[in-house]
N, C-alpha and C. Protein backbone atom coordinates (compact mmCIF):
# COMPACT_ATOMS: atom_id res chain seq x y z
N MET A 1 120.07 111.77 125.76
CA MET A 1 119.80 110.22 125.62
C MET A 1 120.03 109.94 127.17
N SER A 2 119.17 108.86 127.49
CA SER A 2 119.21 108.22 128.67
C SER A 2 120.44 107.33 128.87
N ALA A 3 121.00 106.90 129.85
CA ALA A 3 122.07 106.15 130.24
C ALA A 3 121.44 104.71 129.64
N SER A 4 120.10 104.31 129.96
CA SER A 4 119.56 103.25 129.83
C SER A 4 119.52 102.99 128.25
N ASP A 5 119.17 103.86 127.16
CA ASP A 5 119.01 103.83 125.96
C ASP A 5 120.61 103.61 125.55
N LYS A 6 121.55 104.27 125.92
CA LYS A 6 122.69 104.03 125.50
C LYS A 6 123.29 102.67 125.72
N ILE A 7 122.92 102.01 126.93
CA ILE A 7 123.32 100.50 127.33
C ILE A 7 122.49 99.60 126.54
N GLU A 8 121.20 100.12 126.06
CA GLU A 8 120.48 98.96 125.14
C GLU A 8 120.98 99.21 123.77
N ASN A 9 121.17 100.18 123.48
CA ASN A 9 122.05 100.20 121.89
C ASN A 9 123.07 99.46 121.79
N ALA A 10 124.17 99.84 122.82
CA ALA A 10 125.44 99.19 122.81
C ALA A 10 125.12 97.58 123.02
N ALA A 11 124.30 97.01 123.54
CA ALA A 11 123.95 95.63 124.05
C ALA A 11 123.51 94.99 122.44
N GLU A 12 122.46 95.83 121.76
CA GLU A 12 122.14 95.40 120.76
C GLU A 12 123.12 95.42 119.55
N ASP A 13 123.97 96.30 119.77
CA ASP A 13 125.26 96.49 118.67
C ASP A 13 126.20 95.00 118.95
N PHE A 14 126.37 94.99 120.45
CA PHE A 14 127.22 93.83 120.49
C PHE A 14 126.64 92.69 120.25
N ALA A 15 125.63 92.33 120.54
CA ALA A 15 124.72 90.98 120.03
C ALA A 15 124.93 90.79 118.50
N GLY A 16 124.57 91.89 117.87
CA GLY A 16 124.70 91.79 116.50
C GLY A 16 126.05 91.48 115.85
N LYS A 17 127.31 92.21 116.67
CA LYS A 17 128.63 91.56 116.29
C LYS A 17 128.68 90.19 116.50
N ALA A 18 128.14 89.75 117.55
CA ALA A 18 128.35 88.37 118.02
C ALA A 18 127.66 87.27 117.14
N LYS A 19 126.56 87.79 116.49
CA LYS A 19 125.81 87.03 115.68
C LYS A 19 126.43 87.04 114.21
N GLU A 20 127.01 87.88 113.90
CA GLU A 20 127.84 88.14 112.66
C GLU A 20 129.12 87.35 112.69
N ALA A 21 129.64 87.43 113.67
CA ALA A 21 131.06 86.58 113.87
C ALA A 21 130.66 85.06 113.94
N VAL A 22 129.50 84.64 114.59
CA VAL A 22 129.22 82.94 114.67
C VAL A 22 128.65 82.84 113.32
N GLY A 23 128.13 83.62 112.68
CA GLY A 23 127.63 83.32 111.27
C GLY A 23 128.93 83.22 110.23
N LYS A 24 129.74 83.98 110.43
CA LYS A 24 131.09 83.94 109.64
C LYS A 24 131.58 82.51 109.94
N ALA A 25 131.69 82.22 111.32
CA ALA A 25 132.69 81.13 111.64
C ALA A 25 131.96 80.01 111.19
N THR A 26 130.68 79.82 111.09
CA THR A 26 129.71 78.77 110.78
C THR A 26 129.65 78.40 109.17
N ASP A 27 130.02 79.84 108.44
CA ASP A 27 129.61 79.80 107.16
C ASP A 27 128.06 79.62 106.97
N ASN A 28 127.58 80.65 107.95
CA ASN A 28 126.16 80.49 107.84
C ASN A 28 125.45 82.08 107.40
N GLU A 29 125.18 82.33 106.31
CA GLU A 29 125.14 83.72 105.66
C GLU A 29 124.00 84.43 106.17
N LYS A 30 122.91 83.51 106.48
CA LYS A 30 121.83 84.03 107.15
C LYS A 30 121.99 84.51 108.42
N LEU A 31 122.62 84.06 109.31
CA LEU A 31 122.94 84.36 110.75
C LEU A 31 124.14 85.72 110.55
N GLU A 32 124.65 85.49 109.58
CA GLU A 32 125.63 86.71 109.41
C GLU A 32 124.84 88.12 109.02
N ALA A 33 124.13 87.83 108.08
CA ALA A 33 123.12 88.89 107.70
C ALA A 33 122.26 89.37 108.75
N GLU A 34 121.43 88.68 109.80
CA GLU A 34 121.04 88.92 111.02
C GLU A 34 121.83 89.94 111.79
N GLY A 35 123.00 89.20 111.97
CA GLY A 35 123.93 90.22 113.16
C GLY A 35 124.26 91.60 112.27
N HIS A 36 124.58 91.64 110.99
CA HIS A 36 124.62 92.97 110.43
C HIS A 36 123.68 93.51 110.64
N ALA A 37 122.16 93.29 110.30
CA ALA A 37 121.00 94.02 110.28
C ALA A 37 120.85 94.52 112.01
N ASP A 38 121.05 93.60 112.73
CA ASP A 38 120.95 94.16 114.27
C ASP A 38 121.64 95.23 114.41
N GLN A 39 122.97 95.29 114.01
CA GLN A 39 124.05 96.20 113.82
C GLN A 39 123.72 97.62 113.63
N THR A 40 122.91 97.46 112.36
CA THR A 40 122.48 98.72 111.72
C THR A 40 121.25 99.28 112.34
N LYS A 41 120.46 98.25 113.00
CA LYS A 41 119.09 98.87 113.57
C LYS A 41 119.80 99.77 115.10
N ALA A 42 120.77 99.20 115.73
CA ALA A 42 121.27 99.77 116.72
C ALA A 42 121.93 101.23 116.45
N SER A 43 122.69 100.95 115.37
CA SER A 43 123.14 102.48 114.91
C SER A 43 122.13 103.36 114.62
N LEU A 44 120.96 103.03 113.83
CA LEU A 44 120.10 103.96 113.56
C LEU A 44 119.23 104.54 114.68
N LYS A 45 119.08 103.57 115.62
CA LYS A 45 118.49 104.06 116.94
C LYS A 45 119.28 105.24 117.68
N GLN A 46 121.02 104.86 117.80
CA GLN A 46 121.79 105.82 118.46
C GLN A 46 121.52 107.27 117.58
N ALA A 47 121.53 107.01 116.37
CA ALA A 47 121.58 108.34 115.37
C ALA A 47 120.22 109.05 115.75
N GLY A 48 119.11 108.45 115.84
CA GLY A 48 117.89 108.99 116.26
C GLY A 48 117.82 109.86 117.55
N GLU A 49 118.56 109.06 118.72
CA GLU A 49 118.94 109.42 119.92
C GLU A 49 119.77 110.87 119.92
N ASN A 50 120.64 110.89 119.00
CA ASN A 50 121.47 111.89 119.07
C ASN A 50 120.67 113.09 118.47
N VAL A 51 119.84 112.82 117.70
CA VAL A 51 118.96 113.89 116.76
C VAL A 51 118.31 114.57 118.21
N LYS A 52 117.57 113.65 118.54
CA LYS A 52 116.45 114.07 119.65
C LYS A 52 117.35 114.93 120.63
N ASP A 53 118.62 114.49 121.29
CA ASP A 53 119.44 115.22 122.21
C ASP A 53 119.58 116.68 121.40
N ALA A 54 120.15 116.74 120.07
CA ALA A 54 120.50 117.97 119.68
C ALA A 54 119.36 119.08 119.61
N VAL A 55 118.11 118.46 119.38
CA VAL A 55 116.86 119.24 119.15
C VAL A 55 116.51 119.85 120.57
N SER A 56 116.54 119.31 121.71
CA SER A 56 116.35 119.46 122.84
C SER A 56 117.34 120.39 123.57
N GLU A 57 118.39 120.43 123.06
CA GLU A 57 119.49 121.49 123.32
C GLU A 57 119.10 122.88 122.99
């Protein structure tokens, strides 16, 4: 996995956490769900990159 992929996934995860926190603070369920979805997407991308790395070794 390249460093830029790691940074991109971490940034997406952080943005998702921020969205989720704002959603909780403002009682906005839609924003909270979007934040959770963004975190899940970042985690799946990370897992895919880990699989690619394992296969290439």
